[in-house]
Amino acid sequence: MTPTRSEPRQKLTFEQFLEQYPEDGRYELVNGEIVRILATRQHDDIADFIAKQLDREIDRLSLNYKVSGRIVLATLTKDGKEQGRHPDVSVVRLEVWRSNRFAYSALREPIQLAVEVVSTNWEDYYIDKLDEYQRLGITEYWIVDYLAIGSRNYLGNPKVPTVFVYQLDVNGMYHSTGYKGSDRIVSPTFPKLELTVEQILSV
């Protein structure tokens, strides 16, 4: 008996991804398929802590931003594949957020700041998302490698927990600065922010 070949699964568009987005948990659209994001409690605690610090800074200085952990971003890979990314923390300008308040919590426009807390597959954050966020034009991107999972090319030897802040230059390219230990994280979006790597690690 000749086995029948299963039909190849149709790749989803970003709009189809939003329409089929499950109600439980966090998901991304990767290579046309819905992928669930599973995070440890420590991962979530760190993301929540960073979001609270940024929210407080916005309130303290009356800044024109919104902080959210629920925003999905439409991005493109270098070969033109449409992806749906869900940063751990997003900071978006209020005028962008309020431009269509009846729409899904999804944006095709670049946000001001995306924060990703690294888990398991470090290449997703240092390579894939970095390229997609740069391509989209996100002004600032944080990689919070609290477990020092990334390669020694990034973290040095010995590897230590590091927060990388990538800033978009006038040519649309990212340039990064790494912060460790008692270093104060210097953020172009929040220049007066008083937050160290140690504070994040102690959560």
N, C-alpha and C. Protein backbone atom coordinates (compact mmCIF):
# COMPACT_ATOMS: atom_id res chain seq x y z
N MET A 1 0.85 -1.20 0.00
CA MET A 1 0.00 0.00 0.00
C MET A 1 0.89 1.25 0.00
N THR A 2 0.62 2.12 -0.91
CA THR A 2 1.40 3.35 -1.02
C THR A 2 0.88 4.39 -0.04
N PRO A 3 1.75 4.89 0.88
CA PRO A 3 1.28 5.90 1.83
C PRO A 3 0.91 7.19 1.12
N THR A 4 -0.14 7.82 1.59
CA THR A 4 -0.55 9.10 1.01
C THR A 4 0.25 10.22 1.64
N ARG A 5 0.62 11.16 0.82
CA ARG A 5 1.38 12.30 1.34
C ARG A 5 0.42 13.30 1.95
N SER A 6 0.79 13.80 3.11
CA SER A 6 -0.04 14.83 3.72
C SER A 6 0.19 16.15 3.00
N GLU A 7 -0.87 16.90 2.90
CA GLU A 7 -0.77 18.21 2.25
C GLU A 7 0.11 19.13 3.07
N PRO A 8 1.00 19.87 2.42
CA PRO A 8 1.81 20.83 3.19
C PRO A 8 0.91 21.87 3.85
N ARG A 9 1.26 22.17 5.09
CA ARG A 9 0.46 23.13 5.83
C ARG A 9 0.63 24.52 5.24
N GLN A 10 -0.49 25.21 5.05
CA GLN A 10 -0.45 26.55 4.46
C GLN A 10 0.15 27.53 5.45
N LYS A 11 1.06 28.35 4.94
CA LYS A 11 1.70 29.36 5.77
C LYS A 11 0.71 30.50 6.04
N LEU A 12 0.66 30.93 7.28
CA LEU A 12 -0.27 31.99 7.66
C LEU A 12 0.30 33.36 7.34
N THR A 13 -0.57 34.28 6.98
CA THR A 13 -0.19 35.69 6.89
C THR A 13 -0.30 36.30 8.29
N PHE A 14 0.18 37.52 8.42
CA PHE A 14 0.09 38.19 9.73
C PHE A 14 -1.37 38.39 10.13
N GLU A 15 -2.22 38.76 9.17
CA GLU A 15 -3.64 38.96 9.48
C GLU A 15 -4.30 37.65 9.91
N GLN A 16 -3.97 36.55 9.25
CA GLN A 16 -4.52 35.26 9.63
C GLN A 16 -4.03 34.85 11.02
N PHE A 17 -2.79 35.15 11.30
CA PHE A 17 -2.23 34.89 12.63
C PHE A 17 -3.02 35.61 13.70
N LEU A 18 -3.33 36.88 13.47
CA LEU A 18 -4.11 37.64 14.46
C LEU A 18 -5.51 37.07 14.62
N GLU A 19 -6.12 36.66 13.51
CA GLU A 19 -7.47 36.11 13.56
C GLU A 19 -7.50 34.78 14.31
N GLN A 20 -6.43 34.00 14.19
CA GLN A 20 -6.38 32.68 14.82
C GLN A 20 -5.64 32.67 16.15
N TYR A 21 -5.24 33.85 16.61
CA TYR A 21 -4.42 33.94 17.83
C TYR A 21 -5.17 33.30 19.01
N PRO A 22 -4.58 32.27 19.63
CA PRO A 22 -5.25 31.62 20.76
C PRO A 22 -5.43 32.58 21.93
N GLU A 23 -6.44 32.32 22.73
CA GLU A 23 -6.76 33.22 23.84
C GLU A 23 -5.87 32.98 25.07
N ASP A 24 -5.25 31.83 25.12
CA ASP A 24 -4.42 31.50 26.29
C ASP A 24 -2.94 31.69 25.95
N GLY A 25 -2.23 32.43 26.76
CA GLY A 25 -0.79 32.54 26.60
C GLY A 25 -0.33 33.53 25.55
N ARG A 26 0.98 33.45 25.25
CA ARG A 26 1.64 34.33 24.28
C ARG A 26 2.12 33.51 23.10
N TYR A 27 1.99 34.09 21.91
CA TYR A 27 2.34 33.37 20.69
C TYR A 27 3.05 34.30 19.71
N GLU A 28 3.83 33.69 18.82
CA GLU A 28 4.44 34.43 17.72
C GLU A 28 4.16 33.69 16.41
N LEU A 29 4.23 34.44 15.32
CA LEU A 29 4.15 33.85 13.99
C LEU A 29 5.58 33.70 13.49
N VAL A 30 6.03 32.44 13.33
CA VAL A 30 7.40 32.16 12.91
C VAL A 30 7.35 31.22 11.71
N ASN A 31 7.90 31.69 10.60
CA ASN A 31 7.90 30.89 9.36
C ASN A 31 6.50 30.41 8.99
N GLY A 32 5.51 31.28 9.19
CA GLY A 32 4.15 30.99 8.77
C GLY A 32 3.35 30.13 9.72
N GLU A 33 3.92 29.79 10.89
CA GLU A 33 3.22 28.93 11.85
C GLU A 33 3.12 29.62 13.21
N ILE A 34 2.04 29.31 13.93
CA ILE A 34 1.84 29.86 15.27
C ILE A 34 2.69 29.07 16.26
N VAL A 35 3.53 29.78 16.99
CA VAL A 35 4.44 29.16 17.95
C VAL A 35 4.16 29.73 19.33
N ARG A 36 3.92 28.85 20.29
CA ARG A 36 3.65 29.31 21.65
C ARG A 36 4.95 29.66 22.36
N ILE A 37 4.93 30.75 23.12
CA ILE A 37 6.08 31.18 23.91
C ILE A 37 5.85 30.75 25.35
N LEU A 38 6.69 29.84 25.82
CA LEU A 38 6.61 29.39 27.21
C LEU A 38 7.75 30.01 27.99
N ALA A 39 7.44 30.62 29.10
CA ALA A 39 8.46 31.31 29.89
C ALA A 39 8.42 30.83 31.34
N THR A 40 9.59 30.82 31.99
CA THR A 40 9.65 30.48 33.40
C THR A 40 9.09 31.64 34.24
N ARG A 41 8.81 31.36 35.49
CA ARG A 41 8.32 32.41 36.38
C ARG A 41 9.37 33.50 36.56
N GLN A 42 10.64 33.10 36.63
CA GLN A 42 11.70 34.11 36.78
C GLN A 42 11.74 35.02 35.56
N HIS A 43 11.62 34.44 34.39
CA HIS A 43 11.58 35.21 33.15
C HIS A 43 10.46 36.24 33.20
N ASP A 44 9.25 35.79 33.59
CA ASP A 44 8.11 36.71 33.67
C ASP A 44 8.31 37.77 34.74
N ASP A 45 8.90 37.38 35.88
CA ASP A 45 9.15 38.35 36.95
C ASP A 45 10.09 39.46 36.48
N ILE A 46 11.13 39.09 35.73
CA ILE A 46 12.08 40.08 35.22
C ILE A 46 11.40 41.01 34.21
N ALA A 47 10.61 40.43 33.31
CA ALA A 47 9.91 41.26 32.32
C ALA A 47 8.94 42.21 33.01
N ASP A 48 8.20 41.71 34.01
CA ASP A 48 7.26 42.56 34.76
C ASP A 48 7.98 43.67 35.50
N PHE A 49 9.12 43.34 36.10
CA PHE A 49 9.91 44.34 36.85
C PHE A 49 10.38 45.46 35.92
N ILE A 50 10.90 45.10 34.76
CA ILE A 50 11.37 46.11 33.81
C ILE A 50 10.20 46.98 33.34
N ALA A 51 9.07 46.35 33.06
CA ALA A 51 7.89 47.12 32.62
C ALA A 51 7.47 48.12 33.69
N LYS A 52 7.49 47.71 34.95
CA LYS A 52 7.11 48.61 36.05
C LYS A 52 8.07 49.77 36.16
N GLN A 53 9.38 49.51 36.00
CA GLN A 53 10.37 50.60 36.09
C GLN A 53 10.16 51.62 34.98
N LEU A 54 9.88 51.13 33.78
CA LEU A 54 9.67 52.04 32.65
C LEU A 54 8.36 52.81 32.82
N ASP A 55 7.34 52.13 33.33
CA ASP A 55 6.05 52.78 33.57
C ASP A 55 6.19 53.90 34.60
N ARG A 56 6.94 53.63 35.66
CA ARG A 56 7.17 54.65 36.68
C ARG A 56 7.91 55.85 36.12
N GLU A 57 8.87 55.60 35.25
CA GLU A 57 9.63 56.69 34.64
C GLU A 57 8.72 57.54 33.75
N ILE A 58 7.81 56.89 33.04
CA ILE A 58 6.85 57.62 32.20
C ILE A 58 5.96 58.50 33.07
N ASP A 59 5.47 57.95 34.19
CA ASP A 59 4.63 58.73 35.10
C ASP A 59 5.41 59.87 35.74
N ARG A 60 6.64 59.57 36.16
CA ARG A 60 7.46 60.56 36.86
C ARG A 60 7.76 61.78 36.00
N LEU A 61 8.03 61.52 34.71
CA LEU A 61 8.44 62.60 33.82
C LEU A 61 7.34 63.00 32.82
N SER A 62 6.14 62.42 32.98
CA SER A 62 5.02 62.71 32.08
C SER A 62 5.42 62.53 30.61
N LEU A 63 6.01 61.37 30.32
CA LEU A 63 6.46 61.08 28.97
C LEU A 63 5.31 60.55 28.11
N ASN A 64 5.43 60.75 26.82
CA ASN A 64 4.35 60.44 25.89
C ASN A 64 4.44 59.00 25.36
N TYR A 65 4.50 58.04 26.30
CA TYR A 65 4.65 56.64 25.92
C TYR A 65 3.64 55.76 26.65
N LYS A 66 3.44 54.57 26.09
CA LYS A 66 2.66 53.53 26.74
C LYS A 66 3.54 52.28 26.83
N VAL A 67 3.49 51.60 27.98
CA VAL A 67 4.22 50.34 28.18
C VAL A 67 3.21 49.20 28.16
N SER A 68 3.54 48.14 27.43
CA SER A 68 2.64 46.99 27.35
C SER A 68 3.43 45.71 27.14
N GLY A 69 2.88 44.62 27.66
CA GLY A 69 3.45 43.30 27.40
C GLY A 69 2.58 42.49 26.46
N ARG A 70 1.63 43.15 25.79
CA ARG A 70 0.66 42.43 24.97
C ARG A 70 0.72 42.81 23.48
N ILE A 71 1.67 43.63 23.10
CA ILE A 71 1.72 44.10 21.72
C ILE A 71 2.42 43.08 20.82
N VAL A 72 1.80 42.79 19.69
CA VAL A 72 2.38 41.93 18.67
C VAL A 72 2.82 42.81 17.50
N LEU A 73 4.01 42.55 16.98
CA LEU A 73 4.58 43.37 15.92
C LEU A 73 4.69 42.58 14.62
N ALA A 74 4.32 43.21 13.52
CA ALA A 74 4.52 42.62 12.19
C ALA A 74 5.94 42.96 11.75
N THR A 75 6.75 41.93 11.52
CA THR A 75 8.13 42.13 11.07
C THR A 75 8.38 41.35 9.79
N LEU A 76 9.51 41.61 9.16
CA LEU A 76 9.91 40.89 7.95
C LEU A 76 11.32 40.35 8.11
N THR A 77 11.53 39.13 7.64
CA THR A 77 12.86 38.57 7.60
C THR A 77 13.61 39.15 6.40
N LYS A 78 14.90 38.85 6.32
CA LYS A 78 15.68 39.40 5.21
C LYS A 78 15.24 38.84 3.86
N ASP A 79 14.58 37.65 3.85
CA ASP A 79 14.07 37.12 2.59
C ASP A 79 12.58 37.39 2.39
N GLY A 80 12.05 38.35 3.18
CA GLY A 80 10.69 38.84 2.94
C GLY A 80 9.58 38.06 3.61
N LYS A 81 9.90 37.10 4.49
CA LYS A 81 8.86 36.36 5.20
C LYS A 81 8.24 37.25 6.28
N GLU A 82 6.91 37.19 6.35
CA GLU A 82 6.19 37.98 7.35
C GLU A 82 6.17 37.21 8.68
N GLN A 83 6.59 37.87 9.74
CA GLN A 83 6.61 37.27 11.07
C GLN A 83 5.71 38.08 12.01
N GLY A 84 5.33 37.47 13.10
CA GLY A 84 4.60 38.17 14.15
C GLY A 84 5.36 38.01 15.45
N ARG A 85 5.96 39.06 15.93
CA ARG A 85 6.79 38.99 17.14
C ARG A 85 6.06 39.61 18.33
N HIS A 86 6.32 39.05 19.50
CA HIS A 86 5.64 39.48 20.72
C HIS A 86 6.71 39.79 21.79
N PRO A 87 7.24 41.02 21.79
CA PRO A 87 8.27 41.35 22.79
C PRO A 87 7.75 41.18 24.21
N ASP A 88 8.67 40.90 25.13
CA ASP A 88 8.28 40.79 26.55
C ASP A 88 7.76 42.12 27.06
N VAL A 89 8.39 43.20 26.63
CA VAL A 89 7.95 44.55 27.00
C VAL A 89 8.05 45.43 25.76
N SER A 90 7.00 46.19 25.49
CA SER A 90 7.00 47.14 24.38
C SER A 90 6.72 48.54 24.91
N VAL A 91 7.43 49.52 24.36
CA VAL A 91 7.17 50.92 24.66
C VAL A 91 6.81 51.58 23.33
N VAL A 92 5.61 52.16 23.29
CA VAL A 92 5.12 52.75 22.04
C VAL A 92 4.66 54.18 22.30
N ARG A 93 4.86 55.04 21.31
CA ARG A 93 4.39 56.41 21.44
C ARG A 93 2.87 56.44 21.50
N LEU A 94 2.34 57.31 22.36
CA LEU A 94 0.89 57.35 22.56
C LEU A 94 0.13 57.66 21.27
N GLU A 95 0.69 58.52 20.42
CA GLU A 95 -0.03 58.87 19.20
C GLU A 95 -0.13 57.66 18.26
N VAL A 96 0.87 56.78 18.29
CA VAL A 96 0.81 55.56 17.49
C VAL A 96 -0.23 54.61 18.08
N TRP A 97 -0.19 54.44 19.39
CA TRP A 97 -1.13 53.53 20.06
C TRP A 97 -2.58 53.98 19.88
N ARG A 98 -2.81 55.27 19.98
CA ARG A 98 -4.18 55.79 19.95
C ARG A 98 -4.69 56.08 18.54
N SER A 99 -3.87 55.80 17.52
CA SER A 99 -4.28 56.10 16.15
C SER A 99 -5.47 55.24 15.72
N ASN A 100 -5.59 54.05 16.31
CA ASN A 100 -6.74 53.18 16.03
C ASN A 100 -6.97 52.29 17.25
N ARG A 101 -7.71 52.81 18.21
CA ARG A 101 -7.85 52.11 19.49
C ARG A 101 -8.80 50.93 19.43
N PHE A 102 -9.51 50.76 18.31
CA PHE A 102 -10.41 49.61 18.16
C PHE A 102 -9.73 48.44 17.45
N ALA A 103 -8.48 48.65 17.04
CA ALA A 103 -7.74 47.58 16.38
C ALA A 103 -7.18 46.60 17.41
N TYR A 104 -6.68 45.45 16.93
CA TYR A 104 -5.99 44.51 17.81
C TYR A 104 -4.75 45.19 18.40
N SER A 105 -4.22 44.57 19.48
CA SER A 105 -2.96 45.06 20.06
C SER A 105 -1.81 44.59 19.18
N ALA A 106 -1.86 45.00 17.93
CA ALA A 106 -0.85 44.61 16.95
C ALA A 106 -0.48 45.82 16.12
N LEU A 107 0.79 45.92 15.78
CA LEU A 107 1.27 47.09 15.06
C LEU A 107 2.16 46.69 13.90
N ARG A 108 2.03 47.45 12.81
CA ARG A 108 2.97 47.35 11.70
C ARG A 108 4.01 48.47 11.77
N GLU A 109 3.70 49.50 12.58
CA GLU A 109 4.63 50.61 12.73
C GLU A 109 5.72 50.25 13.73
N PRO A 110 6.90 50.84 13.59
CA PRO A 110 7.95 50.58 14.58
C PRO A 110 7.60 51.19 15.93
N ILE A 111 7.86 50.46 17.00
CA ILE A 111 7.67 51.00 18.34
C ILE A 111 8.95 51.70 18.77
N GLN A 112 8.90 52.34 19.92
CA GLN A 112 10.07 53.07 20.41
C GLN A 112 11.11 52.14 21.02
N LEU A 113 10.64 51.15 21.79
CA LEU A 113 11.56 50.27 22.51
C LEU A 113 10.95 48.88 22.64
N ALA A 114 11.74 47.85 22.31
CA ALA A 114 11.36 46.46 22.52
C ALA A 114 12.34 45.84 23.49
N VAL A 115 11.82 45.15 24.51
CA VAL A 115 12.66 44.44 25.49
C VAL A 115 12.39 42.95 25.35
N GLU A 116 13.45 42.19 25.16
CA GLU A 116 13.34 40.73 25.10
C GLU A 116 14.20 40.12 26.21
N VAL A 117 13.57 39.29 27.04
CA VAL A 117 14.28 38.56 28.09
C VAL A 117 14.64 37.20 27.50
N VAL A 118 15.93 36.88 27.45
CA VAL A 118 16.41 35.70 26.73
C VAL A 118 16.01 34.42 27.43
N SER A 119 15.55 33.45 26.62
CA SER A 119 15.30 32.11 27.14
C SER A 119 15.75 31.10 26.09
N THR A 120 16.03 29.93 26.48
CA THR A 120 16.47 28.76 25.67
C THR A 120 17.25 29.12 24.42
N ASN A 121 16.59 29.37 23.30
CA ASN A 121 17.28 29.53 22.02
C ASN A 121 17.79 30.96 21.85
N TRP A 122 19.03 31.20 22.24
CA TRP A 122 19.55 32.56 22.28
C TRP A 122 19.66 33.21 20.89
N GLU A 123 19.83 32.37 19.84
CA GLU A 123 19.96 32.94 18.50
C GLU A 123 18.72 33.71 18.07
N ASP A 124 17.55 33.33 18.59
CA ASP A 124 16.32 34.04 18.25
C ASP A 124 16.44 35.53 18.59
N TYR A 125 17.10 35.82 19.71
CA TYR A 125 17.17 37.19 20.22
C TYR A 125 18.35 37.96 19.63
N TYR A 126 19.51 37.32 19.56
CA TYR A 126 20.73 37.99 19.12
C TYR A 126 20.83 38.09 17.59
N ILE A 127 20.12 37.23 16.88
CA ILE A 127 20.26 37.20 15.42
C ILE A 127 18.92 37.50 14.73
N ASP A 128 17.93 36.63 14.91
CA ASP A 128 16.68 36.75 14.16
C ASP A 128 15.89 38.01 14.53
N LYS A 129 15.57 38.15 15.82
CA LYS A 129 14.77 39.31 16.24
C LYS A 129 15.57 40.60 16.07
N LEU A 130 16.86 40.54 16.32
CA LEU A 130 17.70 41.72 16.11
C LEU A 130 17.57 42.22 14.68
N ASP A 131 17.68 41.30 13.73
CA ASP A 131 17.58 41.68 12.31
C ASP A 131 16.19 42.20 11.97
N GLU A 132 15.15 41.53 12.48
CA GLU A 132 13.78 41.94 12.17
C GLU A 132 13.43 43.29 12.80
N TYR A 133 13.87 43.51 14.03
CA TYR A 133 13.58 44.78 14.70
C TYR A 133 14.34 45.92 14.06
N GLN A 134 15.56 45.65 13.63
CA GLN A 134 16.33 46.68 12.90
C GLN A 134 15.65 46.99 11.58
N ARG A 135 15.20 45.96 10.88
CA ARG A 135 14.54 46.12 9.59
C ARG A 135 13.24 46.92 9.74
N LEU A 136 12.51 46.68 10.85
CA LEU A 136 11.27 47.41 11.10
C LEU A 136 11.52 48.86 11.48
N GLY A 137 12.69 49.12 12.08
CA GLY A 137 13.03 50.48 12.48
C GLY A 137 12.71 50.79 13.92
N ILE A 138 12.74 49.77 14.78
CA ILE A 138 12.53 50.00 16.22
C ILE A 138 13.72 50.76 16.77
N THR A 139 13.46 51.90 17.38
CA THR A 139 14.52 52.82 17.78
C THR A 139 15.50 52.21 18.77
N GLU A 140 14.98 51.41 19.70
CA GLU A 140 15.83 50.87 20.77
C GLU A 140 15.39 49.44 21.08
N TYR A 141 16.36 48.56 21.29
CA TYR A 141 16.09 47.14 21.54
C TYR A 141 17.00 46.65 22.65
N TRP A 142 16.39 46.09 23.71
CA TRP A 142 17.14 45.52 24.81
C TRP A 142 17.13 44.00 24.72
N ILE A 143 18.30 43.39 24.89
CA ILE A 143 18.40 41.95 25.09
C ILE A 143 18.84 41.74 26.54
N VAL A 144 17.96 41.16 27.34
CA VAL A 144 18.24 40.94 28.76
C VAL A 144 18.64 39.48 28.93
N ASP A 145 19.94 39.23 28.90
CA ASP A 145 20.46 37.86 28.99
C ASP A 145 20.82 37.57 30.44
N TYR A 146 19.77 37.34 31.26
CA TYR A 146 19.97 37.21 32.71
C TYR A 146 20.61 35.89 33.11
N LEU A 147 20.56 34.89 32.24
CA LEU A 147 21.19 33.59 32.53
C LEU A 147 22.51 33.41 31.78
N ALA A 148 22.93 34.45 31.05
CA ALA A 148 24.17 34.39 30.26
C ALA A 148 24.15 33.19 29.32
N ILE A 149 23.08 33.09 28.53
CA ILE A 149 22.90 31.97 27.60
C ILE A 149 23.61 32.21 26.28
N GLY A 150 23.72 33.46 25.86
CA GLY A 150 24.32 33.78 24.56
C GLY A 150 25.75 33.29 24.44
N SER A 151 26.29 33.37 23.23
CA SER A 151 27.65 32.87 22.99
C SER A 151 28.69 33.81 23.60
N ARG A 152 29.91 33.30 23.72
CA ARG A 152 31.00 34.10 24.27
C ARG A 152 31.36 35.27 23.37
N ASN A 153 31.00 35.17 22.09
CA ASN A 153 31.24 36.30 21.18
C ASN A 153 30.52 37.55 21.65
N TYR A 154 29.39 37.36 22.33
CA TYR A 154 28.62 38.49 22.86
C TYR A 154 28.96 38.76 24.32
N LEU A 155 29.04 37.69 25.11
CA LEU A 155 29.11 37.83 26.57
C LEU A 155 30.53 37.84 27.12
N GLY A 156 31.50 37.46 26.30
CA GLY A 156 32.87 37.37 26.79
C GLY A 156 33.13 36.06 27.50
N ASN A 157 34.34 35.91 28.04
CA ASN A 157 34.74 34.69 28.73
C ASN A 157 35.45 35.05 30.03
N PRO A 158 34.91 34.68 31.20
CA PRO A 158 33.71 33.86 31.39
C PRO A 158 32.43 34.64 31.06
N LYS A 159 31.38 33.90 30.73
CA LYS A 159 30.10 34.52 30.41
C LYS A 159 29.42 35.00 31.70
N VAL A 160 28.93 36.23 31.65
CA VAL A 160 28.20 36.78 32.81
C VAL A 160 26.91 37.42 32.31
N PRO A 161 25.89 37.47 33.16
CA PRO A 161 24.62 38.10 32.76
C PRO A 161 24.85 39.53 32.26
N THR A 162 24.20 39.86 31.16
CA THR A 162 24.42 41.15 30.50
C THR A 162 23.11 41.67 29.93
N VAL A 163 22.95 42.99 29.96
CA VAL A 163 21.85 43.65 29.26
C VAL A 163 22.47 44.44 28.11
N PHE A 164 22.08 44.10 26.89
CA PHE A 164 22.55 44.82 25.71
C PHE A 164 21.49 45.82 25.27
N VAL A 165 21.92 47.06 25.06
CA VAL A 165 21.02 48.09 24.54
C VAL A 165 21.47 48.42 23.13
N TYR A 166 20.59 48.13 22.17
CA TYR A 166 20.86 48.43 20.76
C TYR A 166 20.12 49.71 20.40
N GLN A 167 20.83 50.64 19.77
CA GLN A 167 20.25 51.92 19.36
C GLN A 167 20.39 52.06 17.85
N LEU A 168 19.30 52.49 17.21
CA LEU A 168 19.28 52.67 15.77
C LEU A 168 19.99 53.97 15.40
N ASP A 169 20.93 53.89 14.45
CA ASP A 169 21.61 55.11 14.03
C ASP A 169 20.88 55.74 12.83
N VAL A 170 21.45 56.83 12.30
CA VAL A 170 20.79 57.57 11.23
C VAL A 170 20.70 56.76 9.94
N ASN A 171 21.54 55.74 9.82
CA ASN A 171 21.53 54.87 8.65
C ASN A 171 20.64 53.64 8.83
N GLY A 172 19.92 53.61 9.95
CA GLY A 172 19.02 52.48 10.19
C GLY A 172 19.72 51.22 10.65
N MET A 173 20.92 51.35 11.22
CA MET A 173 21.67 50.19 11.71
C MET A 173 21.79 50.25 13.23
N TYR A 174 21.79 49.08 13.86
CA TYR A 174 21.91 49.01 15.32
C TYR A 174 23.37 49.07 15.76
N HIS A 175 23.59 49.75 16.88
CA HIS A 175 24.87 49.74 17.57
C HIS A 175 24.58 49.42 19.03
N SER A 176 25.37 48.54 19.63
CA SER A 176 25.03 48.04 20.96
C SER A 176 26.05 48.44 22.01
N THR A 177 25.56 48.52 23.25
CA THR A 177 26.38 48.69 24.43
C THR A 177 25.94 47.63 25.43
N GLY A 178 26.91 46.92 26.02
CA GLY A 178 26.58 45.90 27.00
C GLY A 178 26.78 46.42 28.43
N TYR A 179 25.86 46.06 29.31
CA TYR A 179 25.92 46.49 30.71
C TYR A 179 25.91 45.27 31.62
N LYS A 180 26.74 45.32 32.68
CA LYS A 180 26.87 44.19 33.59
C LYS A 180 26.94 44.69 35.03
N GLY A 181 26.61 43.80 35.96
CA GLY A 181 26.79 44.07 37.38
C GLY A 181 26.13 45.35 37.84
N SER A 182 26.93 46.25 38.39
CA SER A 182 26.41 47.50 38.95
C SER A 182 26.27 48.61 37.91
N ASP A 183 26.52 48.29 36.63
CA ASP A 183 26.37 49.30 35.57
C ASP A 183 24.94 49.83 35.54
N ARG A 184 24.81 51.15 35.39
CA ARG A 184 23.50 51.73 35.12
C ARG A 184 23.21 51.57 33.64
N ILE A 185 22.04 51.05 33.33
CA ILE A 185 21.64 50.84 31.94
C ILE A 185 21.29 52.19 31.33
N VAL A 186 22.02 52.58 30.30
CA VAL A 186 21.79 53.87 29.65
C VAL A 186 20.84 53.65 28.48
N SER A 187 19.66 54.26 28.59
CA SER A 187 18.62 54.11 27.58
C SER A 187 18.39 55.42 26.85
N PRO A 188 18.50 55.44 25.52
CA PRO A 188 18.19 56.66 24.77
C PRO A 188 16.75 57.11 24.97
N THR A 189 15.82 56.16 25.13
CA THR A 189 14.41 56.50 25.33
C THR A 189 14.16 57.06 26.72
N PHE A 190 14.89 56.52 27.71
CA PHE A 190 14.72 56.94 29.11
C PHE A 190 16.07 57.37 29.68
N PRO A 191 16.58 58.52 29.25
CA PRO A 191 17.95 58.92 29.62
C PRO A 191 18.15 59.14 31.12
N LYS A 192 17.08 59.38 31.87
CA LYS A 192 17.22 59.61 33.31
C LYS A 192 16.90 58.37 34.15
N LEU A 193 16.69 57.27 33.49
CA LEU A 193 16.35 56.02 34.18
C LEU A 193 17.50 55.57 35.08
N GLU A 194 17.17 55.27 36.32
CA GLU A 194 18.16 54.74 37.27
C GLU A 194 17.87 53.26 37.47
N LEU A 195 18.51 52.43 36.67
CA LEU A 195 18.28 50.99 36.73
C LEU A 195 19.58 50.28 36.40
N THR A 196 19.98 49.34 37.27
CA THR A 196 21.22 48.60 37.05
C THR A 196 20.91 47.15 36.71
N VAL A 197 21.90 46.47 36.16
CA VAL A 197 21.76 45.05 35.86
C VAL A 197 21.53 44.26 37.14
N GLU A 198 22.26 44.62 38.21
CA GLU A 198 22.10 43.92 39.50
C GLU A 198 20.67 43.99 39.99
N GLN A 199 20.01 45.12 39.82
CA GLN A 199 18.61 45.25 40.26
C GLN A 199 17.72 44.28 39.50
N ILE A 200 17.97 44.14 38.21
CA ILE A 200 17.19 43.20 37.40
C ILE A 200 17.44 41.77 37.85
N LEU A 201 18.70 41.43 38.10
CA LEU A 201 19.06 40.07 38.49
C LEU A 201 18.54 39.69 39.87
N SER A 202 18.30 40.69 40.71
CA SER A 202 17.86 40.40 42.09
C SER A 202 16.36 40.19 42.20
N VAL A 203 15.65 40.31 41.10
CA VAL A 203 14.19 40.15 41.12
C VAL A 203 13.82 38.72 41.50
